[in-house]
Amino acid sequence: MTIEYKNNLAVFNDVVSVEEAEALLEWLQKKSAARVDLSACTHLHPANLQVLMAAKPAIRAWPTDAGLAIWLMSALSVR
């Protein structure tokens, strides 16, 4: 599993595929204080991005890959 769920924190690791999107959505719907750690994420399938865009969880850490971080910050309206 490329997303680890720890209390109110979802940690994204490596390549997060489309198969993770439904579980991510369900988890975010149950966690009002959800936070997301993307630091170890190297690729995020657009379905997961759509879930993050809709749920708007707090981002604890952005990807260490600068290109991915910039793309996600732009998509999630972070300035």
PDB file of N, CA and C in Angstrom:
ATOM      1  N   MET A   1       0.853  -1.173   0.000  1.00  0.00           N
ATOM      2  CA  MET A   1       0.000   0.000   0.000  1.00  0.00           C
ATOM      3  C   MET A   1       0.897   1.234   0.000  1.00  0.00           C
ATOM      4  N   THR A   2       0.608   2.172  -0.885  1.00  0.00           N
ATOM      5  CA  THR A   2       1.469   3.339  -1.002  1.00  0.00           C
ATOM      6  C   THR A   2       1.000   4.531  -0.174  1.00  0.00           C
ATOM      7  N   ILE A   3      -0.157   4.407   0.454  1.00  0.00           N
ATOM      8  CA  ILE A   3      -0.598   5.420   1.418  1.00  0.00           C
ATOM      9  C   ILE A   3      -0.741   4.730   2.761  1.00  0.00           C
ATOM     10  N   GLU A   4      -0.016   5.251   3.744  1.00  0.00           N
ATOM     11  CA  GLU A   4      -0.114   4.729   5.109  1.00  0.00           C
ATOM     12  C   GLU A   4      -0.987   5.688   5.913  1.00  0.00           C
ATOM     13  N   TYR A   5      -1.958   5.130   6.611  1.00  0.00           N
ATOM     14  CA  TYR A   5      -2.868   5.939   7.411  1.00  0.00           C
ATOM     15  C   TYR A   5      -2.503   5.793   8.875  1.00  0.00           C
ATOM     16  N   LYS A   6      -2.183   6.922   9.522  1.00  0.00           N
ATOM     17  CA  LYS A   6      -1.777   6.938  10.922  1.00  0.00           C
ATOM     18  C   LYS A   6      -2.614   7.991  11.643  1.00  0.00           C
ATOM     19  N   ASN A   7      -3.609   7.564  12.381  1.00  0.00           N
ATOM     20  CA  ASN A   7      -4.523   8.484  13.060  1.00  0.00           C
ATOM     21  C   ASN A   7      -5.076   9.505  12.078  1.00  0.00           C
ATOM     22  N   ASN A   8      -4.671  10.770  12.181  1.00  0.00           N
ATOM     23  CA  ASN A   8      -5.171  11.818  11.289  1.00  0.00           C
ATOM     24  C   ASN A   8      -4.179  12.179  10.193  1.00  0.00           C
ATOM     25  N   LEU A   9      -3.182  11.332   9.949  1.00  0.00           N
ATOM     26  CA  LEU A   9      -2.154  11.616   8.961  1.00  0.00           C
ATOM     27  C   LEU A   9      -2.111  10.525   7.890  1.00  0.00           C
ATOM     28  N   ALA A  10      -2.148  10.950   6.623  1.00  0.00           N
ATOM     29  CA  ALA A  10      -1.971  10.031   5.499  1.00  0.00           C
ATOM     30  C   ALA A  10      -0.593  10.306   4.907  1.00  0.00           C
ATOM     31  N   VAL A  11       0.255   9.283   4.875  1.00  0.00           N
ATOM     32  CA  VAL A  11       1.615   9.419   4.358  1.00  0.00           C
ATOM     33  C   VAL A  11       1.677   8.749   2.989  1.00  0.00           C
ATOM     34  N   PHE A  12       1.959   9.547   1.967  1.00  0.00           N
ATOM     35  CA  PHE A  12       2.034   9.060   0.587  1.00  0.00           C
ATOM     36  C   PHE A  12       3.476   8.635   0.296  1.00  0.00           C
ATOM     37  N   ASN A  13       3.633   7.423  -0.248  1.00  0.00           N
ATOM     38  CA  ASN A  13       4.957   6.892  -0.546  1.00  0.00           C
ATOM     39  C   ASN A  13       5.058   6.481  -2.007  1.00  0.00           C
ATOM     40  N   ASP A  14       6.166   6.846  -2.634  1.00  0.00           N
ATOM     41  CA  ASP A  14       6.484   6.429  -3.998  1.00  0.00           C
ATOM     42  C   ASP A  14       5.369   6.796  -4.982  1.00  0.00           C
ATOM     43  N   VAL A  15       4.971   5.829  -5.798  1.00  0.00           N
ATOM     44  CA  VAL A  15       3.954   6.037  -6.833  1.00  0.00           C
ATOM     45  C   VAL A  15       2.580   5.699  -6.258  1.00  0.00           C
ATOM     46  N   VAL A  16       1.720   6.704  -6.173  1.00  0.00           N
ATOM     47  CA  VAL A  16       0.372   6.506  -5.636  1.00  0.00           C
ATOM     48  C   VAL A  16      -0.570   6.344  -6.827  1.00  0.00           C
ATOM     49  N   SER A  17      -1.086   5.128  -6.989  1.00  0.00           N
ATOM     50  CA  SER A  17      -1.862   4.772  -8.177  1.00  0.00           C
ATOM     51  C   SER A  17      -3.354   5.030  -8.005  1.00  0.00           C
ATOM     52  N   VAL A  18      -4.070   4.835  -9.101  1.00  0.00           N
ATOM     53  CA  VAL A  18      -5.520   5.054  -9.121  1.00  0.00           C
ATOM     54  C   VAL A  18      -6.233   4.146  -8.114  1.00  0.00           C
ATOM     55  N   GLU A  19      -5.694   2.984  -7.859  1.00  0.00           N
ATOM     56  CA  GLU A  19      -6.337   2.051  -6.928  1.00  0.00           C
ATOM     57  C   GLU A  19      -6.434   2.605  -5.509  1.00  0.00           C
ATOM     58  N   GLU A  20      -5.655   3.614  -5.180  1.00  0.00           N
ATOM     59  CA  GLU A  20      -5.666   4.197  -3.830  1.00  0.00           C
ATOM     60  C   GLU A  20      -6.762   5.244  -3.642  1.00  0.00           C
ATOM     61  N   ALA A  21      -7.325   5.757  -4.716  1.00  0.00           N
ATOM     62  CA  ALA A  21      -8.219   6.916  -4.644  1.00  0.00           C
ATOM     63  C   ALA A  21      -9.473   6.676  -3.800  1.00  0.00           C
ATOM     64  N   GLU A  22     -10.114   5.555  -3.971  1.00  0.00           N
ATOM     65  CA  GLU A  22     -11.358   5.305  -3.233  1.00  0.00           C
ATOM     66  C   GLU A  22     -11.111   5.214  -1.730  1.00  0.00           C
ATOM     67  N   ALA A  23     -10.070   4.503  -1.333  1.00  0.00           N
ATOM     68  CA  ALA A  23      -9.748   4.387   0.092  1.00  0.00           C
ATOM     69  C   ALA A  23      -9.358   5.749   0.665  1.00  0.00           C
ATOM     70  N   LEU A  24      -8.632   6.542  -0.119  1.00  0.00           N
ATOM     71  CA  LEU A  24      -8.254   7.881   0.332  1.00  0.00           C
ATOM     72  C   LEU A  24      -9.497   8.738   0.551  1.00  0.00           C
ATOM     73  N   LEU A  25     -10.421   8.703  -0.388  1.00  0.00           N
ATOM     74  CA  LEU A  25     -11.656   9.470  -0.249  1.00  0.00           C
ATOM     75  C   LEU A  25     -12.422   9.054   0.995  1.00  0.00           C
ATOM     76  N   GLU A  26     -12.584   7.767   1.209  1.00  0.00           N
ATOM     77  CA  GLU A  26     -13.314   7.273   2.385  1.00  0.00           C
ATOM     78  C   GLU A  26     -12.632   7.713   3.670  1.00  0.00           C
ATOM     79  N   TRP A  27     -11.304   7.627   3.709  1.00  0.00           N
ATOM     80  CA  TRP A  27     -10.552   8.017   4.902  1.00  0.00           C
ATOM     81  C   TRP A  27     -10.727   9.507   5.171  1.00  0.00           C
ATOM     82  N   LEU A  28     -10.596  10.330   4.129  1.00  0.00           N
ATOM     83  CA  LEU A  28     -10.725  11.777   4.300  1.00  0.00           C
ATOM     84  C   LEU A  28     -12.133  12.173   4.735  1.00  0.00           C
ATOM     85  N   GLN A  29     -13.141  11.460   4.292  1.00  0.00           N
ATOM     86  CA  GLN A  29     -14.514  11.759   4.695  1.00  0.00           C
ATOM     87  C   GLN A  29     -14.736  11.485   6.182  1.00  0.00           C
ATOM     88  N   LYS A  30     -13.946  10.586   6.757  1.00  0.00           N
ATOM     89  CA  LYS A  30     -14.086  10.235   8.173  1.00  0.00           C
ATOM     90  C   LYS A  30     -13.216  11.086   9.082  1.00  0.00           C
ATOM     91  N   LYS A  31     -12.250  11.799   8.521  1.00  0.00           N
ATOM     92  CA  LYS A  31     -11.275  12.541   9.323  1.00  0.00           C
ATOM     93  C   LYS A  31     -11.402  14.039   9.087  1.00  0.00           C
ATOM     94  N   SER A  32     -12.038  14.734   9.992  1.00  0.00           N
ATOM     95  CA  SER A  32     -12.214  16.174   9.817  1.00  0.00           C
ATOM     96  C   SER A  32     -10.906  16.944  10.002  1.00  0.00           C
ATOM     97  N   ALA A  33      -9.976  16.377  10.748  1.00  0.00           N
ATOM     98  CA  ALA A  33      -8.686  17.035  10.990  1.00  0.00           C
ATOM     99  C   ALA A  33      -7.562  16.343  10.213  1.00  0.00           C
ATOM    100  N   ALA A  34      -7.878  15.834   9.047  1.00  0.00           N
ATOM    101  CA  ALA A  34      -6.899  15.084   8.255  1.00  0.00           C
ATOM    102  C   ALA A  34      -5.746  15.957   7.795  1.00  0.00           C
ATOM    103  N   ARG A  35      -4.562  15.344   7.818  1.00  0.00           N
ATOM    104  CA  ARG A  35      -3.353  15.974   7.294  1.00  0.00           C
ATOM    105  C   ARG A  35      -2.711  14.996   6.323  1.00  0.00           C
ATOM    106  N   VAL A  36      -1.947  15.526   5.383  1.00  0.00           N
ATOM    107  CA  VAL A  36      -1.319  14.696   4.356  1.00  0.00           C
ATOM    108  C   VAL A  36       0.167  15.010   4.290  1.00  0.00           C
ATOM    109  N   ASP A  37       0.977  13.952   4.265  1.00  0.00           N
ATOM    110  CA  ASP A  37       2.428  14.076   4.108  1.00  0.00           C
ATOM    111  C   ASP A  37       2.785  13.517   2.736  1.00  0.00           C
ATOM    112  N   LEU A  38       3.208  14.397   1.834  1.00  0.00           N
ATOM    113  CA  LEU A  38       3.538  14.003   0.470  1.00  0.00           C
ATOM    114  C   LEU A  38       5.051  13.930   0.242  1.00  0.00           C
ATOM    115  N   SER A  39       5.850  14.065   1.281  1.00  0.00           N
ATOM    116  CA  SER A  39       7.295  14.188   1.122  1.00  0.00           C
ATOM    117  C   SER A  39       7.938  13.025   0.385  1.00  0.00           C
ATOM    118  N   ALA A  40       7.444  11.815   0.547  1.00  0.00           N
ATOM    119  CA  ALA A  40       8.037  10.643  -0.107  1.00  0.00           C
ATOM    120  C   ALA A  40       7.308  10.255  -1.396  1.00  0.00           C
ATOM    121  N   CYS A  41       6.341  11.050  -1.810  1.00  0.00           N
ATOM    122  CA  CYS A  41       5.579  10.758  -3.023  1.00  0.00           C
ATOM    123  C   CYS A  41       6.403  11.143  -4.249  1.00  0.00           C
ATOM    124  N   THR A  42       6.469  10.225  -5.226  1.00  0.00           N
ATOM    125  CA  THR A  42       7.199  10.505  -6.461  1.00  0.00           C
ATOM    126  C   THR A  42       6.268  10.659  -7.660  1.00  0.00           C
ATOM    127  N   HIS A  43       5.039  10.165  -7.540  1.00  0.00           N
ATOM    128  CA  HIS A  43       4.041  10.301  -8.606  1.00  0.00           C
ATOM    129  C   HIS A  43       2.664  10.150  -7.974  1.00  0.00           C
ATOM    130  N   LEU A  44       1.741  11.007  -8.394  1.00  0.00           N
ATOM    131  CA  LEU A  44       0.385  10.972  -7.860  1.00  0.00           C
ATOM    132  C   LEU A  44      -0.591  10.869  -9.023  1.00  0.00           C
ATOM    133  N   HIS A  45      -1.361   9.790  -9.052  1.00  0.00           N
ATOM    134  CA  HIS A  45      -2.355   9.626 -10.111  1.00  0.00           C
ATOM    135  C   HIS A  45      -3.393  10.744  -9.983  1.00  0.00           C
ATOM    136  N   PRO A  46      -3.855  11.293 -11.103  1.00  0.00           N
ATOM    137  CA  PRO A  46      -4.826  12.388 -11.069  1.00  0.00           C
ATOM    138  C   PRO A  46      -6.097  12.092 -10.257  1.00  0.00           C
ATOM    139  N   ALA A  47      -6.504  10.850 -10.153  1.00  0.00           N
ATOM    140  CA  ALA A  47      -7.693  10.531  -9.340  1.00  0.00           C
ATOM    141  C   ALA A  47      -7.455  10.904  -7.879  1.00  0.00           C
ATOM    142  N   ASN A  48      -6.247  10.667  -7.395  1.00  0.00           N
ATOM    143  CA  ASN A  48      -5.915  11.033  -6.020  1.00  0.00           C
ATOM    144  C   ASN A  48      -5.811  12.546  -5.870  1.00  0.00           C
ATOM    145  N   LEU A  49      -5.309  13.198  -6.892  1.00  0.00           N
ATOM    146  CA  LEU A  49      -5.254  14.658  -6.875  1.00  0.00           C
ATOM    147  C   LEU A  49      -6.665  15.232  -6.782  1.00  0.00           C
ATOM    148  N   GLN A  50      -7.598  14.675  -7.537  1.00  0.00           N
ATOM    149  CA  GLN A  50      -8.985  15.143  -7.491  1.00  0.00           C
ATOM    150  C   GLN A  50      -9.573  14.971  -6.094  1.00  0.00           C
ATOM    151  N   VAL A  51      -9.253  13.872  -5.441  1.00  0.00           N
ATOM    152  CA  VAL A  51      -9.729  13.645  -4.077  1.00  0.00           C
ATOM    153  C   VAL A  51      -9.170  14.727  -3.151  1.00  0.00           C
ATOM    154  N   LEU A  52      -7.879  15.012  -3.279  1.00  0.00           N
ATOM    155  CA  LEU A  52      -7.263  16.041  -2.433  1.00  0.00           C
ATOM    156  C   LEU A  52      -7.855  17.419  -2.727  1.00  0.00           C
ATOM    157  N   MET A  53      -8.113  17.691  -3.998  1.00  0.00           N
ATOM    158  CA  MET A  53      -8.702  18.982  -4.363  1.00  0.00           C
ATOM    159  C   MET A  53     -10.097  19.147  -3.759  1.00  0.00           C
ATOM    160  N   ALA A  54     -10.860  18.083  -3.740  1.00  0.00           N
ATOM    161  CA  ALA A  54     -12.224  18.146  -3.206  1.00  0.00           C
ATOM    162  C   ALA A  54     -12.236  18.208  -1.678  1.00  0.00           C
ATOM    163  N   ALA A  55     -11.385  17.409  -1.041  1.00  0.00           N
ATOM    164  CA  ALA A  55     -11.404  17.307   0.419  1.00  0.00           C
ATOM    165  C   ALA A  55     -10.648  18.446   1.107  1.00  0.00           C
ATOM    166  N   LYS A  56      -9.654  18.999   0.440  1.00  0.00           N
ATOM    167  CA  LYS A  56      -8.844  20.097   0.972  1.00  0.00           C
ATOM    168  C   LYS A  56      -8.233  19.808   2.343  1.00  0.00           C
ATOM    169  N   PRO A  57      -7.545  18.688   2.503  1.00  0.00           N
ATOM    170  CA  PRO A  57      -6.897  18.424   3.791  1.00  0.00           C
ATOM    171  C   PRO A  57      -5.680  19.333   3.969  1.00  0.00           C
ATOM    172  N   ALA A  58      -5.223  19.469   5.185  1.00  0.00           N
ATOM    173  CA  ALA A  58      -3.994  20.227   5.449  1.00  0.00           C
ATOM    174  C   ALA A  58      -2.809  19.417   4.926  1.00  0.00           C
ATOM    175  N   ILE A  59      -1.884  20.095   4.254  1.00  0.00           N
ATOM    176  CA  ILE A  59      -0.696  19.425   3.745  1.00  0.00           C
ATOM    177  C   ILE A  59       0.430  19.640   4.752  1.00  0.00           C
ATOM    178  N   ARG A  60       0.882  18.568   5.338  1.00  0.00           N
ATOM    179  CA  ARG A  60       1.950  18.638   6.340  1.00  0.00           C
ATOM    180  C   ARG A  60       3.311  18.797   5.686  1.00  0.00           C
ATOM    181  N   ALA A  61       3.524  18.093   4.567  1.00  0.00           N
ATOM    182  CA  ALA A  61       4.809  18.162   3.870  1.00  0.00           C
ATOM    183  C   ALA A  61       4.577  17.944   2.385  1.00  0.00           C
ATOM    184  N   TRP A  62       5.284  18.728   1.577  1.00  0.00           N
ATOM    185  CA  TRP A  62       5.201  18.617   0.120  1.00  0.00           C
ATOM    186  C   TRP A  62       6.256  17.647  -0.384  1.00  0.00           C
ATOM    187  N   PRO A  63       6.101  17.138  -1.611  1.00  0.00           N
ATOM    188  CA  PRO A  63       7.097  16.207  -2.159  1.00  0.00           C
ATOM    189  C   PRO A  63       8.490  16.838  -2.200  1.00  0.00           C
ATOM    190  N   THR A  64       9.501  16.016  -2.011  1.00  0.00           N
ATOM    191  CA  THR A  64      10.871  16.510  -2.115  1.00  0.00           C
ATOM    192  C   THR A  64      11.241  16.771  -3.566  1.00  0.00           C
ATOM    193  N   ASP A  65      10.555  16.131  -4.510  1.00  0.00           N
ATOM    194  CA  ASP A  65      10.755  16.403  -5.932  1.00  0.00           C
ATOM    195  C   ASP A  65      10.155  17.779  -6.231  1.00  0.00           C
ATOM    196  N   ALA A  66      11.018  18.729  -6.609  1.00  0.00           N
ATOM    197  CA  ALA A  66      10.578  20.111  -6.802  1.00  0.00           C
ATOM    198  C   ALA A  66       9.501  20.249  -7.870  1.00  0.00           C
ATOM    199  N   GLY A  67       9.632  19.543  -8.972  1.00  0.00           N
ATOM    200  CA  GLY A  67       8.633  19.637 -10.036  1.00  0.00           C
ATOM    201  C   GLY A  67       7.271  19.156  -9.590  1.00  0.00           C
ATOM    202  N   LEU A  68       7.245  18.032  -8.906  1.00  0.00           N
ATOM    203  CA  LEU A  68       5.976  17.497  -8.403  1.00  0.00           C
ATOM    204  C   LEU A  68       5.392  18.428  -7.350  1.00  0.00           C
ATOM    205  N   ALA A  69       6.238  18.965  -6.489  1.00  0.00           N
ATOM    206  CA  ALA A  69       5.765  19.875  -5.444  1.00  0.00           C
ATOM    207  C   ALA A  69       5.123  21.114  -6.054  1.00  0.00           C
ATOM    208  N   ILE A  70       5.768  21.697  -7.059  1.00  0.00           N
ATOM    209  CA  ILE A  70       5.224  22.897  -7.701  1.00  0.00           C
ATOM    210  C   ILE A  70       3.884  22.587  -8.370  1.00  0.00           C
ATOM    211  N   TRP A  71       3.825  21.449  -9.056  1.00  0.00           N
ATOM    212  CA  TRP A  71       2.585  21.039  -9.727  1.00  0.00           C
ATOM    213  C   TRP A  71       1.453  20.873  -8.719  1.00  0.00           C
ATOM    214  N   LEU A  72       1.742  20.203  -7.605  1.00  0.00           N
ATOM    215  CA  LEU A  72       0.704  19.967  -6.610  1.00  0.00           C
ATOM    216  C   LEU A  72       0.305  21.248  -5.901  1.00  0.00           C
ATOM    217  N   MET A  73       1.272  22.106  -5.591  1.00  0.00           N
ATOM    218  CA  MET A  73       0.944  23.384  -4.960  1.00  0.00           C
ATOM    219  C   MET A  73       0.030  24.213  -5.863  1.00  0.00           C
ATOM    220  N   SER A  74       0.314  24.195  -7.132  1.00  0.00           N
ATOM    221  CA  SER A  74      -0.514  24.926  -8.092  1.00  0.00           C
ATOM    222  C   SER A  74      -1.914  24.321  -8.170  1.00  0.00           C
ATOM    223  N   ALA A  75      -1.991  23.004  -8.262  1.00  0.00           N
ATOM    224  CA  ALA A  75      -3.286  22.337  -8.376  1.00  0.00           C
ATOM    225  C   ALA A  75      -4.121  22.473  -7.110  1.00  0.00           C
ATOM    226  N   LEU A  76      -3.454  22.528  -5.969  1.00  0.00           N
ATOM    227  CA  LEU A  76      -4.181  22.623  -4.703  1.00  0.00           C
ATOM    228  C   LEU A  76      -4.298  24.074  -4.221  1.00  0.00           C
ATOM    229  N   SER A  77      -4.012  25.016  -5.111  1.00  0.00           N
ATOM    230  CA  SER A  77      -4.180  26.448  -4.863  1.00  0.00           C
ATOM    231  C   SER A  77      -3.387  26.960  -3.687  1.00  0.00           C
ATOM    232  N   VAL A  78      -2.143  26.503  -3.571  1.00  0.00           N
ATOM    233  CA  VAL A  78      -1.252  27.004  -2.529  1.00  0.00           C
ATOM    234  C   VAL A  78      -0.329  28.027  -3.180  1.00  0.00           C
ATOM    235  N   ARG A  79      -0.213  29.160  -2.566  1.00  0.00           N
ATOM    236  CA  ARG A  79       0.651  30.215  -3.131  1.00  0.00           C
ATOM    237  C   ARG A  79       1.783  30.536  -2.204  1.00  0.00           C
TER     238      ARG A  79
END
